[in-house]
């Protein structure tokens, strides 16, 4: 598996646009100098966050012998800019790319990666972003406002990338043409690879992410886990039909 020019261009464009979005809400007086300083800081923090996010996915893809590539998601850019303007920079949609996971085979490997393994590859990026948000939340005392910015960036990344966007919106045929054929949102791979994994991850990421932004305590993770576990059990019982034998 090799990183292509298109992959690097996708990451570069996403970094620039997300840096602009995350620096839209200016701290202090509204001046060009303050905005530019905020943009540079946001650019560095977004780059670090995306590097960790994609590194986790590439590592997982390599482990399962899956070829992974990325492409820009035009609708994602529109959603990001509209949401940024409407919310004044308080809400940022941070999934500006789609990914293509192509299972390969190797000598001694009986089966190629199945949808569940593809779901775990997609999930690894979400997990990496959430872990970084948790670490930064725990270091607020030492990092100050930088920790708050990193928490916001990585929570936005985690939540945005758990949404099965191309399944919810009627854009699959338009998007899946040409060289971007078979590209899907990260959340699509998780949703179709394992719905129980998706519902647990979605609820946990949403609850813990909002908790990390609104509160300084990382104990929200424990509460988020129990909430997510409750949704997972309800999903398994009512939708998957896994009912206990009497």
Protein backbone atom coordinates (compact mmCIF):
# COMPACT_ATOMS: atom_id res chain seq x y z
CA UNK A 1 0.00 0.00 0.00
CA UNK A 2 1.42 3.36 -1.02
CA UNK A 3 0.27 6.92 -0.47
CA UNK A 4 -0.57 8.57 -3.78
CA UNK A 5 -0.43 12.16 -4.96
CA UNK A 6 -4.24 12.34 -4.77
CA UNK A 7 -4.12 11.22 -1.13
CA UNK A 8 -1.66 13.97 -0.24
CA UNK A 9 -3.65 16.62 -2.13
CA UNK A 10 -6.83 15.52 -0.34
CA UNK A 11 -5.16 15.89 3.06
CA UNK A 12 -3.57 19.23 2.14
CA UNK A 13 -6.85 20.73 0.92
CA UNK A 14 -8.75 19.41 3.95
CA UNK A 15 -6.11 20.86 6.29
CA UNK A 16 -6.37 24.34 4.76
CA UNK A 17 -10.19 24.44 4.73
CA UNK A 18 -10.52 23.02 8.25
CA UNK A 19 -7.90 25.45 9.54
CA UNK A 20 -9.98 28.28 8.09
CA UNK A 21 -13.16 26.85 9.64
CA UNK A 22 -11.65 26.33 13.09
CA UNK A 23 -10.12 29.83 13.08
CA UNK A 24 -13.36 31.50 11.95
CA UNK A 25 -14.36 32.26 15.55
CA UNK A 26 -11.73 34.83 16.57
CA UNK A 27 -10.47 35.02 20.14
CA UNK A 28 -10.10 38.62 21.31
CA UNK A 29 -10.53 41.69 19.13
CA UNK A 30 -11.57 41.14 15.53
CA UNK A 31 -8.52 42.15 13.51
CA UNK A 32 -6.76 40.66 10.50
CA UNK A 33 -3.66 40.07 12.61
CA UNK A 34 -5.59 38.11 15.25
CA UNK A 35 -7.36 36.05 12.60
CA UNK A 36 -4.12 35.22 10.79
CA UNK A 37 -2.44 34.18 14.05
CA UNK A 38 -5.44 31.99 14.85
CA UNK A 39 -5.35 30.49 11.36
CA UNK A 40 -1.67 29.52 11.68
CA UNK A 41 -2.29 27.89 15.08
CA UNK A 42 -5.37 26.09 13.75
CA UNK A 43 -3.44 24.93 10.67
CA UNK A 44 -0.73 23.29 12.80
CA UNK A 45 -3.24 21.69 15.19
CA UNK A 46 -5.45 20.42 12.35
CA UNK A 47 -2.42 18.98 10.54
CA UNK A 48 -1.29 17.12 13.68
CA UNK A 49 -4.83 15.83 14.27
CA UNK A 50 -5.31 14.65 10.68
CA UNK A 51 -1.86 13.05 10.66
CA UNK A 52 -2.79 10.96 13.70
CA UNK A 53 -6.27 10.19 12.31
CA UNK A 54 -5.02 8.92 8.95
CA UNK A 55 -1.92 7.21 10.38
CA UNK A 56 -4.18 5.06 12.55
CA UNK A 57 -6.31 4.11 9.54
CA UNK A 58 -3.31 3.36 7.32
CA UNK A 59 -1.74 1.23 10.07
CA UNK A 60 -4.97 -0.75 10.50
CA UNK A 61 -5.35 -1.10 6.72
CA UNK A 62 -1.81 -2.44 6.44
CA UNK A 63 -2.50 -4.93 9.21
CA UNK A 64 -5.47 -6.35 7.27
CA UNK A 65 -3.77 -6.11 3.86
CA UNK A 66 -6.22 -3.49 2.63
CA UNK A 67 -5.29 -0.81 0.11
CA UNK A 68 -6.60 2.56 1.32
CA UNK A 69 -6.95 5.75 -0.69
CA UNK A 70 -8.74 9.05 -0.20
CA UNK A 71 -10.52 11.59 -2.32
CA UNK A 72 -12.13 15.00 -1.71
CA UNK A 73 -15.82 15.04 -0.81
CA UNK A 74 -17.34 18.15 -2.41
CA UNK A 75 -20.58 18.05 -0.42
CA UNK A 76 -18.53 17.86 2.78
CA UNK A 77 -16.90 21.20 1.97
CA UNK A 78 -20.29 22.79 1.37
CA UNK A 79 -21.66 21.44 4.66
CA UNK A 80 -18.57 22.65 6.52
CA UNK A 81 -18.72 26.21 5.19
CA UNK A 82 -22.50 26.55 5.59
CA UNK A 83 -22.45 25.16 9.13
CA UNK A 84 -19.50 27.40 10.01
CA UNK A 85 -21.30 30.53 8.79
CA UNK A 86 -24.65 29.65 10.37
CA UNK A 87 -23.14 28.77 13.77
CA UNK A 88 -20.48 31.48 13.78
CA UNK A 89 -17.74 28.86 14.03
CA UNK A 90 -19.25 26.99 16.99
CA UNK A 91 -20.14 23.92 14.90
CA UNK A 92 -17.72 22.45 12.36
CA UNK A 93 -18.32 19.45 10.12
CA UNK A 94 -14.84 17.95 9.78
CA UNK A 95 -15.19 15.06 7.30
CA UNK A 96 -14.08 16.58 4.01
CA UNK A 97 -12.93 13.36 2.36
CA UNK A 98 -14.13 9.94 1.37
CA UNK A 99 -12.08 6.77 1.55
CA UNK A 100 -11.78 3.69 -0.62
CA UNK A 101 -10.81 0.43 1.09
CA UNK A 102 -9.77 -2.26 -1.38
CA UNK A 103 -9.06 -5.67 0.23
CA UNK A 104 -6.07 -7.50 -1.25
CA UNK A 105 -4.82 -11.05 -0.81
CA UNK A 106 -1.46 -12.54 0.06
CA UNK A 107 0.22 -15.93 0.14
CA UNK A 108 -0.91 -17.78 3.24
CA UNK A 109 -3.95 -15.55 3.69
CA UNK A 110 -7.08 -17.65 3.16
CA UNK A 111 -9.66 -14.87 3.17
CA UNK A 112 -9.57 -11.23 2.18
CA UNK A 113 -10.74 -8.58 4.64
CA UNK A 114 -14.51 -8.74 5.20
CA UNK A 115 -16.84 -5.75 5.84
CA UNK A 116 -16.33 -6.05 9.60
CA UNK A 117 -12.57 -5.63 9.22
CA UNK A 118 -13.13 -2.68 6.90
CA UNK A 119 -15.35 -1.21 9.63
CA UNK A 120 -12.52 -1.60 12.15
CA UNK A 121 -10.11 0.15 9.78
CA UNK A 122 -12.49 3.09 9.42
CA UNK A 123 -13.16 3.08 13.18
CA UNK A 124 -9.43 3.31 14.00
CA UNK A 125 -9.29 6.91 12.76
CA UNK A 126 -12.29 7.89 14.87
CA UNK A 127 -10.74 6.18 17.90
CA UNK A 128 -7.41 7.96 17.37
CA UNK A 129 -9.12 11.37 17.22
CA UNK A 130 -11.14 10.67 20.36
CA UNK A 131 -8.08 9.41 22.26
CA UNK A 132 -6.17 12.58 21.36
CA UNK A 133 -9.15 14.65 22.55
CA UNK A 134 -9.16 12.76 25.87
CA UNK A 135 -5.41 13.25 26.35
CA UNK A 136 -5.66 16.97 25.59
CA UNK A 137 -8.65 17.27 27.92
CA UNK A 138 -6.56 15.77 30.71
CA UNK A 139 -3.74 18.25 29.98
CA UNK A 140 -5.84 21.43 30.05
CA UNK A 141 -3.96 22.65 33.13
CA UNK A 142 -0.66 22.54 31.24
CA UNK A 143 -1.69 23.36 27.66
CA UNK A 144 -4.37 25.98 28.37
CA UNK A 145 -6.24 27.22 25.32
CA UNK A 146 -4.26 24.93 23.00
CA UNK A 147 -5.81 21.94 24.77
CA UNK A 148 -9.29 23.41 24.29
CA UNK A 149 -8.63 23.90 20.57
CA UNK A 150 -7.28 20.36 20.16
CA UNK A 151 -10.25 18.91 22.03
CA UNK A 152 -12.69 20.81 19.80
CA UNK A 153 -10.85 19.83 16.60
CA UNK A 154 -10.60 16.14 17.44
CA UNK A 155 -14.13 15.82 18.84
CA UNK A 156 -15.37 17.41 15.60
CA UNK A 157 -13.28 14.93 13.60
CA UNK A 158 -14.57 11.96 15.59
CA UNK A 159 -18.25 12.94 15.43
CA UNK A 160 -18.17 13.97 11.76
CA UNK A 161 -16.48 10.74 10.67
CA UNK A 162 -18.95 8.47 12.45
CA UNK A 163 -21.90 9.80 10.40
CA UNK A 164 -22.80 7.49 7.44
CA UNK A 165 -23.32 10.57 5.31
CA UNK A 166 -23.37 9.01 1.85
CA UNK A 167 -26.05 6.58 3.04
CA UNK A 168 -28.22 9.31 4.54
CA UNK A 169 -28.08 11.67 1.56
CA UNK A 170 -29.03 10.85 -2.06
CA UNK A 171 -25.60 11.62 -3.49
CA UNK A 172 -24.07 8.16 -3.83
CA UNK A 173 -24.59 7.82 -7.59
CA UNK A 174 -23.31 11.33 -8.23
CA UNK A 175 -20.29 10.81 -5.98
CA UNK A 176 -19.42 7.25 -7.01
CA UNK A 177 -18.35 7.96 -10.55
CA UNK A 178 -15.04 8.21 -12.33
CA UNK A 179 -11.86 7.68 -10.33
CA UNK A 180 -13.76 8.24 -7.07
CA UNK A 181 -15.96 5.17 -7.66
CA UNK A 182 -16.53 3.07 -4.56
CA UNK A 183 -15.38 5.87 -2.27
CA UNK A 184 -17.51 6.14 0.86
CA UNK A 185 -17.60 8.17 4.04
CA UNK A 186 -15.83 6.68 7.05
CA UNK A 187 -19.16 6.32 8.82
CA UNK A 188 -20.56 4.30 5.90
CA UNK A 189 -17.88 1.65 6.29
CA UNK A 190 -18.56 1.38 10.02
CA UNK A 191 -22.35 1.37 9.61
CA UNK A 192 -22.44 -1.34 6.93
CA UNK A 193 -19.56 -3.34 8.38
CA UNK A 194 -21.07 -3.64 11.86
CA UNK A 195 -24.21 -1.81 12.92
CA UNK A 196 -23.77 -2.75 16.61
CA UNK A 197 -20.23 -1.31 16.49
CA UNK A 198 -21.62 1.79 14.77
CA UNK A 199 -24.39 2.48 17.31
CA UNK A 200 -22.04 2.01 20.26
CA UNK A 201 -19.36 4.19 18.68
CA UNK A 202 -21.82 6.88 17.58
CA UNK A 203 -23.40 7.27 21.03
CA UNK A 204 -20.08 7.02 22.88
CA UNK A 205 -18.30 9.52 20.62
CA UNK A 206 -21.22 11.96 20.71
CA UNK A 207 -21.69 11.78 24.49
CA UNK A 208 -18.02 11.77 25.45
CA UNK A 209 -17.13 14.38 22.82
CA UNK A 210 -19.73 16.85 24.03
CA UNK A 211 -18.72 16.09 27.62
CA UNK A 212 -15.05 16.82 26.88
CA UNK A 213 -15.96 20.15 25.28
CA UNK A 214 -18.38 21.31 27.98
CA UNK A 215 -16.67 19.91 31.08
CA UNK A 216 -13.09 19.71 32.27
CA UNK A 217 -13.43 16.27 33.85
CA UNK A 218 -12.56 13.14 31.87
CA UNK A 219 -14.97 11.18 34.08
CA UNK A 220 -17.59 11.88 31.43
CA UNK A 221 -16.03 8.95 29.56
CA UNK A 222 -17.34 6.51 32.15
CA UNK A 223 -20.86 7.91 31.93
CA UNK A 224 -20.63 7.94 28.13
CA UNK A 225 -19.59 4.29 28.13
CA UNK A 226 -22.63 3.23 30.13
CA UNK A 227 -24.95 5.31 27.94
CA UNK A 228 -23.43 3.80 24.78
CA UNK A 229 -23.63 0.30 26.26
CA UNK A 230 -27.32 0.85 26.98
CA UNK A 231 -27.97 1.87 23.37
CA UNK A 232 -25.92 -1.10 22.15
CA UNK A 233 -27.94 -3.54 24.26
CA UNK A 234 -31.21 -1.99 23.07
CA UNK A 235 -30.02 -2.24 19.45
CA UNK A 236 -29.01 -5.88 19.85
CA UNK A 237 -32.29 -6.76 21.58
CA UNK A 238 -34.82 -4.89 19.47
CA UNK A 239 -33.15 -4.64 16.05
CA UNK A 240 -30.71 -7.55 15.82
CA UNK A 241 -32.96 -10.07 17.56
CA UNK A 242 -30.37 -11.23 20.10
CA UNK A 243 -32.76 -11.97 22.93
CA UNK A 244 -31.74 -14.01 25.99
CA UNK A 245 -32.93 -17.60 26.07
CA UNK A 246 -35.34 -18.42 28.90
